[in-house]
PDB file of all heavy atoms in Angstrom:
ATOM      1  N   SER A   1     -33.630 -27.774  64.154  1.00  0.00           N
ATOM      2  CA  SER A   1     -33.454 -29.148  64.626  1.00  0.00           C
ATOM      3  C   SER A   1     -34.699 -29.635  65.360  1.00  0.00           C
ATOM      4  O   SER A   1     -35.167 -30.764  65.153  1.00  0.00           O
ATOM      5  CB  SER A   1     -32.238 -29.225  65.553  1.00  0.00           C
ATOM      6  OG  SER A   1     -32.089 -30.523  66.094  1.00  0.00           O
ATOM      7  N   PHE A   2     -35.251 -28.767  66.196  1.00  0.00           N
ATOM      8  CA  PHE A   2     -36.450 -29.133  66.940  1.00  0.00           C
ATOM      9  C   PHE A   2     -37.635 -29.330  65.992  1.00  0.00           C
ATOM     10  O   PHE A   2     -38.403 -30.280  66.126  1.00  0.00           O
ATOM     11  CB  PHE A   2     -36.774 -28.055  67.968  1.00  0.00           C
ATOM     12  CG  PHE A   2     -38.002 -28.341  68.781  1.00  0.00           C
ATOM     13  CD1 PHE A   2     -37.956 -29.247  69.825  1.00  0.00           C
ATOM     14  CD2 PHE A   2     -39.202 -27.711  68.494  1.00  0.00           C
ATOM     15  CE1 PHE A   2     -39.103 -29.523  70.583  1.00  0.00           C
ATOM     16  CE2 PHE A   2     -40.345 -27.979  69.244  1.00  0.00           C
ATOM     17  CZ  PHE A   2     -40.285 -28.885  70.283  1.00  0.00           C
ATOM     18  N   THR A   3     -37.761 -28.426  65.023  1.00  0.00           N
ATOM     19  CA  THR A   3     -38.857 -28.522  64.050  1.00  0.00           C
ATOM     20  C   THR A   3     -38.759 -29.823  63.256  1.00  0.00           C
ATOM     21  O   THR A   3     -39.759 -30.512  63.026  1.00  0.00           O
ATOM     22  CB  THR A   3     -38.829 -27.317  63.096  1.00  0.00           C
ATOM     23  OG1 THR A   3     -38.934 -26.103  63.851  1.00  0.00           O
ATOM     24  CG2 THR A   3     -39.979 -27.389  62.097  1.00  0.00           C
ATOM     25  N   PHE A   4     -37.523 -30.159  62.835  1.00  0.00           N
ATOM     26  CA  PHE A   4     -37.309 -31.407  62.091  1.00  0.00           C
ATOM     27  C   PHE A   4     -37.695 -32.609  62.943  1.00  0.00           C
ATOM     28  O   PHE A   4     -38.336 -33.557  62.463  1.00  0.00           O
ATOM     29  CB  PHE A   4     -35.843 -31.521  61.668  1.00  0.00           C
ATOM     30  CG  PHE A   4     -35.490 -32.838  61.030  1.00  0.00           C
ATOM     31  CD1 PHE A   4     -35.839 -33.112  59.715  1.00  0.00           C
ATOM     32  CD2 PHE A   4     -34.814 -33.815  61.759  1.00  0.00           C
ATOM     33  CE1 PHE A   4     -35.532 -34.332  59.126  1.00  0.00           C
ATOM     34  CE2 PHE A   4     -34.500 -35.037  61.183  1.00  0.00           C
ATOM     35  CZ  PHE A   4     -34.854 -35.291  59.868  1.00  0.00           C
ATOM     36  N   THR A   5     -37.306 -32.573  64.226  1.00  0.00           N
ATOM     37  CA  THR A   5     -37.627 -33.672  65.140  1.00  0.00           C
ATOM     38  C   THR A   5     -39.136 -33.834  65.286  1.00  0.00           C
ATOM     39  O   THR A   5     -39.662 -34.955  65.285  1.00  0.00           O
ATOM     40  CB  THR A   5     -36.997 -33.430  66.519  1.00  0.00           C
ATOM     41  OG1 THR A   5     -35.571 -33.322  66.383  1.00  0.00           O
ATOM     42  CG2 THR A   5     -37.328 -34.564  67.479  1.00  0.00           C
ATOM     43  N   VAL A   6     -39.839 -32.698  65.407  1.00  0.00           N
ATOM     44  CA  VAL A   6     -41.295 -32.743  65.548  1.00  0.00           C
ATOM     45  C   VAL A   6     -41.935 -33.323  64.288  1.00  0.00           C
ATOM     46  O   VAL A   6     -42.823 -34.180  64.358  1.00  0.00           O
ATOM     47  CB  VAL A   6     -41.857 -31.332  65.834  1.00  0.00           C
ATOM     48  CG1 VAL A   6     -43.380 -31.340  65.746  1.00  0.00           C
ATOM     49  CG2 VAL A   6     -41.421 -30.863  67.204  1.00  0.00           C
ATOM     50  N   ILE A   7     -41.468 -32.865  63.117  1.00  0.00           N
ATOM     51  CA  ILE A   7     -42.020 -33.356  61.849  1.00  0.00           C
ATOM     52  C   ILE A   7     -41.746 -34.842  61.692  1.00  0.00           C
ATOM     53  O   ILE A   7     -42.635 -35.626  61.307  1.00  0.00           O
ATOM     54  CB  ILE A   7     -41.425 -32.569  60.663  1.00  0.00           C
ATOM     55  CG1 ILE A   7     -41.905 -31.108  60.701  1.00  0.00           C
ATOM     56  CG2 ILE A   7     -41.813 -33.217  59.343  1.00  0.00           C
ATOM     57  CD1 ILE A   7     -41.273 -30.221  59.653  1.00  0.00           C
ATOM     58  N   LEU A   8     -40.497 -35.248  62.002  1.00  0.00           N
ATOM     59  CA  LEU A   8     -40.136 -36.663  61.880  1.00  0.00           C
ATOM     60  C   LEU A   8     -40.969 -37.516  62.827  1.00  0.00           C
ATOM     61  O   LEU A   8     -41.468 -38.590  62.441  1.00  0.00           O
ATOM     62  CB  LEU A   8     -38.650 -36.841  62.186  1.00  0.00           C
ATOM     63  CG  LEU A   8     -38.096 -38.274  62.065  1.00  0.00           C
ATOM     64  CD1 LEU A   8     -38.275 -38.780  60.636  1.00  0.00           C
ATOM     65  CD2 LEU A   8     -36.627 -38.318  62.469  1.00  0.00           C
ATOM     66  N   SER A   9     -41.155 -37.028  64.048  1.00  0.00           N
ATOM     67  CA  SER A   9     -41.969 -37.764  65.021  1.00  0.00           C
ATOM     68  C   SER A   9     -43.410 -37.890  64.534  1.00  0.00           C
ATOM     69  O   SER A   9     -44.045 -38.942  64.696  1.00  0.00           O
ATOM     70  CB  SER A   9     -41.942 -37.054  66.379  1.00  0.00           C
ATOM     71  OG  SER A   9     -40.631 -37.020  66.906  1.00  0.00           O
ATOM     72  N   SER A  10     -43.910 -36.810  63.916  1.00  0.00           N
ATOM     73  CA  SER A  10     -45.281 -36.843  63.401  1.00  0.00           C
ATOM     74  C   SER A  10     -45.419 -37.861  62.276  1.00  0.00           C
ATOM     75  O   SER A  10     -46.405 -38.608  62.211  1.00  0.00           O
ATOM     76  CB  SER A  10     -45.685 -35.451  62.900  1.00  0.00           C
ATOM     77  OG  SER A  10     -45.651 -34.499  63.943  1.00  0.00           O
ATOM     78  N   ILE A  11     -44.401 -37.897  61.396  1.00  0.00           N
ATOM     79  CA  ILE A  11     -44.437 -38.850  60.279  1.00  0.00           C
ATOM     80  C   ILE A  11     -44.386 -40.281  60.802  1.00  0.00           C
ATOM     81  O   ILE A  11     -45.138 -41.157  60.354  1.00  0.00           O
ATOM     82  CB  ILE A  11     -43.268 -38.587  59.312  1.00  0.00           C
ATOM     83  CG1 ILE A  11     -43.462 -37.233  58.600  1.00  0.00           C
ATOM     84  CG2 ILE A  11     -43.157 -39.705  58.280  1.00  0.00           C
ATOM     85  CD1 ILE A  11     -42.294 -36.831  57.731  1.00  0.00           C
ATOM     86  N   ILE A  12     -43.480 -40.505  61.767  1.00  0.00           N
ATOM     87  CA  ILE A  12     -43.356 -41.847  62.341  1.00  0.00           C
ATOM     88  C   ILE A  12     -44.661 -42.259  63.022  1.00  0.00           C
ATOM     89  O   ILE A  12     -45.126 -43.389  62.876  1.00  0.00           O
ATOM     90  CB  ILE A  12     -42.190 -41.891  63.346  1.00  0.00           C
ATOM     91  CG1 ILE A  12     -40.851 -41.729  62.606  1.00  0.00           C
ATOM     92  CG2 ILE A  12     -42.206 -43.206  64.132  1.00  0.00           C
ATOM     93  CD1 ILE A  12     -39.649 -41.638  63.512  1.00  0.00           C
ATOM     94  N   SER A  13     -45.240 -41.312  63.759  1.00  0.00           N
ATOM     95  CA  SER A  13     -46.508 -41.603  64.435  1.00  0.00           C
ATOM     96  C   SER A  13     -47.598 -41.930  63.424  1.00  0.00           C
ATOM     97  O   SER A  13     -48.421 -42.835  63.639  1.00  0.00           O
ATOM     98  CB  SER A  13     -46.933 -40.406  65.294  1.00  0.00           C
ATOM     99  OG  SER A  13     -45.996 -40.159  66.319  1.00  0.00           O
ATOM    100  N   LEU A  14     -47.598 -41.186  62.301  1.00  0.00           N
ATOM    101  CA  LEU A  14     -48.594 -41.434  61.256  1.00  0.00           C
ATOM    102  C   LEU A  14     -48.416 -42.809  60.645  1.00  0.00           C
ATOM    103  O   LEU A  14     -49.388 -43.552  60.439  1.00  0.00           O
ATOM    104  CB  LEU A  14     -48.480 -40.352  60.175  1.00  0.00           C
ATOM    105  CG  LEU A  14     -49.484 -40.436  59.018  1.00  0.00           C
ATOM    106  CD1 LEU A  14     -50.896 -40.273  59.548  1.00  0.00           C
ATOM    107  CD2 LEU A  14     -49.178 -39.347  57.980  1.00  0.00           C
ATOM    108  N   ILE A  15     -47.129 -43.163  60.384  1.00  0.00           N
ATOM    109  CA  ILE A  15     -46.846 -44.472  59.787  1.00  0.00           C
ATOM    110  C   ILE A  15     -47.231 -45.591  60.752  1.00  0.00           C
ATOM    111  O   ILE A  15     -47.872 -46.575  60.368  1.00  0.00           O
ATOM    112  CB  ILE A  15     -45.357 -44.576  59.408  1.00  0.00           C
ATOM    113  CG1 ILE A  15     -45.042 -43.611  58.253  1.00  0.00           C
ATOM    114  CG2 ILE A  15     -45.004 -46.008  59.007  1.00  0.00           C
ATOM    115  CD1 ILE A  15     -43.566 -43.530  57.902  1.00  0.00           C
ATOM    116  N   VAL A  16     -46.817 -45.415  62.014  1.00  0.00           N
ATOM    117  CA  VAL A  16     -47.150 -46.428  63.021  1.00  0.00           C
ATOM    118  C   VAL A  16     -48.668 -46.547  63.176  1.00  0.00           C
ATOM    119  O   VAL A  16     -49.220 -47.644  63.243  1.00  0.00           O
ATOM    120  CB  VAL A  16     -46.498 -46.087  64.374  1.00  0.00           C
ATOM    121  CG1 VAL A  16     -47.017 -47.011  65.472  1.00  0.00           C
ATOM    122  CG2 VAL A  16     -44.987 -46.189  64.278  1.00  0.00           C
ATOM    123  N   GLY A  17     -49.333 -45.388  63.227  1.00  0.00           N
ATOM    124  CA  GLY A  17     -50.786 -45.397  63.350  1.00  0.00           C
ATOM    125  C   GLY A  17     -51.452 -46.087  62.173  1.00  0.00           C
ATOM    126  O   GLY A  17     -52.379 -46.890  62.357  1.00  0.00           O
ATOM    127  N   ALA A  18     -50.959 -45.791  60.963  1.00  0.00           N
ATOM    128  CA  ALA A  18     -51.529 -46.424  59.773  1.00  0.00           C
ATOM    129  C   ALA A  18     -51.285 -47.929  59.787  1.00  0.00           C
ATOM    130  O   ALA A  18     -52.153 -48.721  59.396  1.00  0.00           O
ATOM    131  CB  ALA A  18     -50.917 -45.799  58.521  1.00  0.00           C
ATOM    132  N   SER A  19     -50.091 -48.316  60.269  1.00  0.00           N
ATOM    133  CA  SER A  19     -49.770 -49.750  60.338  1.00  0.00           C
ATOM    134  C   SER A  19     -50.681 -50.460  61.330  1.00  0.00           C
ATOM    135  O   SER A  19     -51.156 -51.569  61.070  1.00  0.00           O
ATOM    136  CB  SER A  19     -48.299 -49.935  60.756  1.00  0.00           C
ATOM    137  OG  SER A  19     -47.427 -49.337  59.821  1.00  0.00           O
ATOM    138  N   VAL A  20     -50.909 -49.809  62.467  1.00  0.00           N
ATOM    139  CA  VAL A  20     -51.796 -50.399  63.478  1.00  0.00           C
ATOM    140  C   VAL A  20     -53.199 -50.560  62.918  1.00  0.00           C
ATOM    141  O   VAL A  20     -53.842 -51.605  63.091  1.00  0.00           O
ATOM    142  CB  VAL A  20     -51.812 -49.533  64.751  1.00  0.00           C
ATOM    143  CG1 VAL A  20     -52.909 -50.001  65.705  1.00  0.00           C
ATOM    144  CG2 VAL A  20     -50.462 -49.580  65.443  1.00  0.00           C
ATOM    145  N   VAL A  21     -53.673 -49.503  62.236  1.00  0.00           N
ATOM    146  CA  VAL A  21     -55.008 -49.566  61.646  1.00  0.00           C
ATOM    147  C   VAL A  21     -55.082 -50.686  60.603  1.00  0.00           C
ATOM    148  O   VAL A  21     -56.064 -51.444  60.552  1.00  0.00           O
ATOM    149  CB  VAL A  21     -55.387 -48.215  60.997  1.00  0.00           C
ATOM    150  CG1 VAL A  21     -56.674 -48.341  60.189  1.00  0.00           C
ATOM    151  CG2 VAL A  21     -55.550 -47.139  62.073  1.00  0.00           C
ATOM    152  N   PHE A  22     -53.997 -50.800  59.799  1.00  0.00           N
ATOM    153  CA  PHE A  22     -53.969 -51.848  58.775  1.00  0.00           C
ATOM    154  C   PHE A  22     -54.035 -53.235  59.405  1.00  0.00           C
ATOM    155  O   PHE A  22     -54.790 -54.110  58.949  1.00  0.00           O
ATOM    156  CB  PHE A  22     -52.702 -51.719  57.934  1.00  0.00           C
ATOM    157  CG  PHE A  22     -52.540 -52.802  56.905  1.00  0.00           C
ATOM    158  CD1 PHE A  22     -53.257 -52.764  55.710  1.00  0.00           C
ATOM    159  CD2 PHE A  22     -51.680 -53.876  57.135  1.00  0.00           C
ATOM    160  CE1 PHE A  22     -53.125 -53.774  54.764  1.00  0.00           C
ATOM    161  CE2 PHE A  22     -51.543 -54.882  56.196  1.00  0.00           C
ATOM    162  CZ  PHE A  22     -52.264 -54.832  55.016  1.00  0.00           C
ATOM    163  N   VAL A  23     -53.236 -53.415  60.488  1.00  0.00           N
ATOM    164  CA  VAL A  23     -53.228 -54.716  61.168  1.00  0.00           C
ATOM    165  C   VAL A  23     -54.601 -55.008  61.771  1.00  0.00           C
ATOM    166  O   VAL A  23     -55.128 -56.119  61.658  1.00  0.00           O
ATOM    167  CB  VAL A  23     -52.141 -54.732  62.267  1.00  0.00           C
ATOM    168  CG1 VAL A  23     -52.281 -55.997  63.129  1.00  0.00           C
ATOM    169  CG2 VAL A  23     -50.751 -54.682  61.638  1.00  0.00           C
ATOM    170  N   LEU A  24     -55.172 -53.994  62.412  1.00  0.00           N
ATOM    171  CA  LEU A  24     -56.489 -54.175  63.015  1.00  0.00           C
ATOM    172  C   LEU A  24     -57.543 -54.495  61.959  1.00  0.00           C
ATOM    173  O   LEU A  24     -58.375 -55.393  62.142  1.00  0.00           O
ATOM    174  CB  LEU A  24     -56.890 -52.923  63.792  1.00  0.00           C
ATOM    175  CG  LEU A  24     -56.103 -52.644  65.087  1.00  0.00           C
ATOM    176  CD1 LEU A  24     -56.522 -51.310  65.687  1.00  0.00           C
ATOM    177  CD2 LEU A  24     -56.306 -53.770  66.097  1.00  0.00           C
ATOM    178  N   MET A  25     -57.512 -53.752  60.852  1.00  0.00           N
ATOM    179  CA  MET A  25     -58.493 -53.985  59.795  1.00  0.00           C
ATOM    180  C   MET A  25     -58.300 -55.354  59.157  1.00  0.00           C
ATOM    181  O   MET A  25     -59.269 -56.032  58.795  1.00  0.00           O
ATOM    182  CB  MET A  25     -58.383 -52.883  58.730  1.00  0.00           C
ATOM    183  CG  MET A  25     -58.836 -51.505  59.211  1.00  0.00           C
ATOM    184  SD  MET A  25     -60.535 -51.509  59.867  1.00  0.00           S
ATOM    185  CE  MET A  25     -61.447 -51.946  58.393  1.00  0.00           C
ATOM    186  N   SER A  26     -57.032 -55.773  59.034  1.00  0.00           N
ATOM    187  CA  SER A  26     -56.766 -57.110  58.473  1.00  0.00           C
ATOM    188  C   SER A  26     -57.328 -58.178  59.384  1.00  0.00           C
ATOM    189  O   SER A  26     -57.939 -59.165  58.928  1.00  0.00           O
ATOM    190  CB  SER A  26     -55.250 -57.314  58.301  1.00  0.00           C
ATOM    191  OG  SER A  26     -54.725 -56.393  57.372  1.00  0.00           O
ATOM    192  N   GLY A  27     -57.148 -57.992  60.704  1.00  0.00           N
ATOM    193  CA  GLY A  27     -57.700 -58.951  61.667  1.00  0.00           C
ATOM    194  C   GLY A  27     -59.209 -58.990  61.619  1.00  0.00           C
ATOM    195  O   GLY A  27     -59.819 -60.068  61.665  1.00  0.00           O
ATOM    196  N   ILE A  28     -59.794 -57.782  61.541  1.00  0.00           N
ATOM    197  CA  ILE A  28     -61.253 -57.716  61.462  1.00  0.00           C
ATOM    198  C   ILE A  28     -61.758 -58.372  60.178  1.00  0.00           C
ATOM    199  O   ILE A  28     -62.750 -59.105  60.179  1.00  0.00           O
ATOM    200  CB  ILE A  28     -61.731 -56.249  61.539  1.00  0.00           C
ATOM    201  CG1 ILE A  28     -61.439 -55.674  62.942  1.00  0.00           C
ATOM    202  CG2 ILE A  28     -63.225 -56.140  61.224  1.00  0.00           C
ATOM    203  CD1 ILE A  28     -61.700 -54.191  63.043  1.00  0.00           C
ATOM    204  N   ARG A  29     -61.046 -58.131  59.071  1.00  0.00           N
ATOM    205  CA  ARG A  29     -61.455 -58.711  57.796  1.00  0.00           C
ATOM    206  C   ARG A  29     -61.366 -60.234  57.848  1.00  0.00           C
ATOM    207  O   ARG A  29     -62.265 -60.934  57.371  1.00  0.00           O
ATOM    208  CB  ARG A  29     -60.578 -58.170  56.665  1.00  0.00           C
ATOM    209  CG  ARG A  29     -61.024 -58.641  55.282  1.00  0.00           C
ATOM    210  CD  ARG A  29     -60.361 -57.842  54.170  1.00  0.00           C
ATOM    211  NE  ARG A  29     -58.917 -57.859  54.282  1.00  0.00           N
ATOM    212  CZ  ARG A  29     -58.180 -56.795  54.638  1.00  0.00           C
ATOM    213  NH1 ARG A  29     -58.771 -55.637  54.919  1.00  0.00           N
ATOM    214  NH2 ARG A  29     -56.865 -56.886  54.705  1.00  0.00           N
ATOM    215  N   ARG A  30     -60.272 -60.748  58.439  1.00  0.00           N
ATOM    216  CA  ARG A  30     -60.139 -62.204  58.560  1.00  0.00           C
ATOM    217  C   ARG A  30     -61.238 -62.780  59.448  1.00  0.00           C
ATOM    218  O   ARG A  30     -61.770 -63.858  59.178  1.00  0.00           O
ATOM    219  CB  ARG A  30     -58.756 -62.549  59.130  1.00  0.00           C
ATOM    220  CG  ARG A  30     -57.620 -62.363  58.137  1.00  0.00           C
ATOM    221  CD  ARG A  30     -56.357 -63.053  58.627  1.00  0.00           C
ATOM    222  NE  ARG A  30     -55.900 -62.501  59.903  1.00  0.00           N
ATOM    223  CZ  ARG A  30     -55.071 -61.472  60.011  1.00  0.00           C
ATOM    224  NH1 ARG A  30     -54.604 -60.882  58.907  1.00  0.00           N
ATOM    225  NH2 ARG A  30     -54.690 -61.025  61.192  1.00  0.00           N
ATOM    226  N   LYS A  31     -61.560 -62.051  60.519  1.00  0.00           N
ATOM    227  CA  LYS A  31     -62.620 -62.510  61.424  1.00  0.00           C
ATOM    228  C   LYS A  31     -63.964 -62.550  60.702  1.00  0.00           C
ATOM    229  O   LYS A  31     -64.743 -63.505  60.849  1.00  0.00           O
ATOM    230  CB  LYS A  31     -62.696 -61.578  62.635  1.00  0.00           C
ATOM    231  CG  LYS A  31     -63.612 -62.094  63.748  1.00  0.00           C
ATOM    232  CD  LYS A  31     -63.078 -63.385  64.344  1.00  0.00           C
ATOM    233  CE  LYS A  31     -63.936 -63.849  65.511  1.00  0.00           C
ATOM    234  NZ  LYS A  31     -63.457 -65.134  66.059  1.00  0.00           N
ATOM    235  N   LEU A  32     -64.237 -61.498  59.922  1.00  0.00           N
ATOM    236  CA  LEU A  32     -65.490 -61.461  59.175  1.00  0.00           C
ATOM    237  C   LEU A  32     -65.555 -62.587  58.152  1.00  0.00           C
ATOM    238  O   LEU A  32     -66.615 -63.210  57.934  1.00  0.00           O
ATOM    239  CB  LEU A  32     -65.651 -60.100  58.484  1.00  0.00           C
ATOM    240  CG  LEU A  32     -65.912 -58.905  59.408  1.00  0.00           C
ATOM    241  CD1 LEU A  32     -65.914 -57.611  58.600  1.00  0.00           C
ATOM    242  CD2 LEU A  32     -67.240 -59.071  60.149  1.00  0.00           C
ATOM    243  N   GLU A  33     -64.408 -62.836  57.491  1.00  0.00           N
ATOM    244  CA  GLU A  33     -64.372 -63.923  56.515  1.00  0.00           C
ATOM    245  C   GLU A  33     -64.610 -65.268  57.206  1.00  0.00           C
ATOM    246  O   GLU A  33     -65.301 -66.150  56.670  1.00  0.00           O
ATOM    247  CB  GLU A  33     -63.013 -63.924  55.802  1.00  0.00           C
ATOM    248  CG  GLU A  33     -62.827 -62.740  54.856  1.00  0.00           C
ATOM    249  CD  GLU A  33     -61.429 -62.698  54.260  1.00  0.00           C
ATOM    250  OE1 GLU A  33     -60.569 -63.481  54.724  1.00  0.00           O
ATOM    251  OE2 GLU A  33     -61.202 -61.884  53.358  1.00  0.00           O
TER     252      GLU A  33
END
């Protein structure tokens, strides 16, 4: 159960991190445009 929780938390963190990066990159791209 603990291992599953750690893996799930890691996946969620990865998804959230990727989403943040995507949002930031989209903002930067719009700014550059």
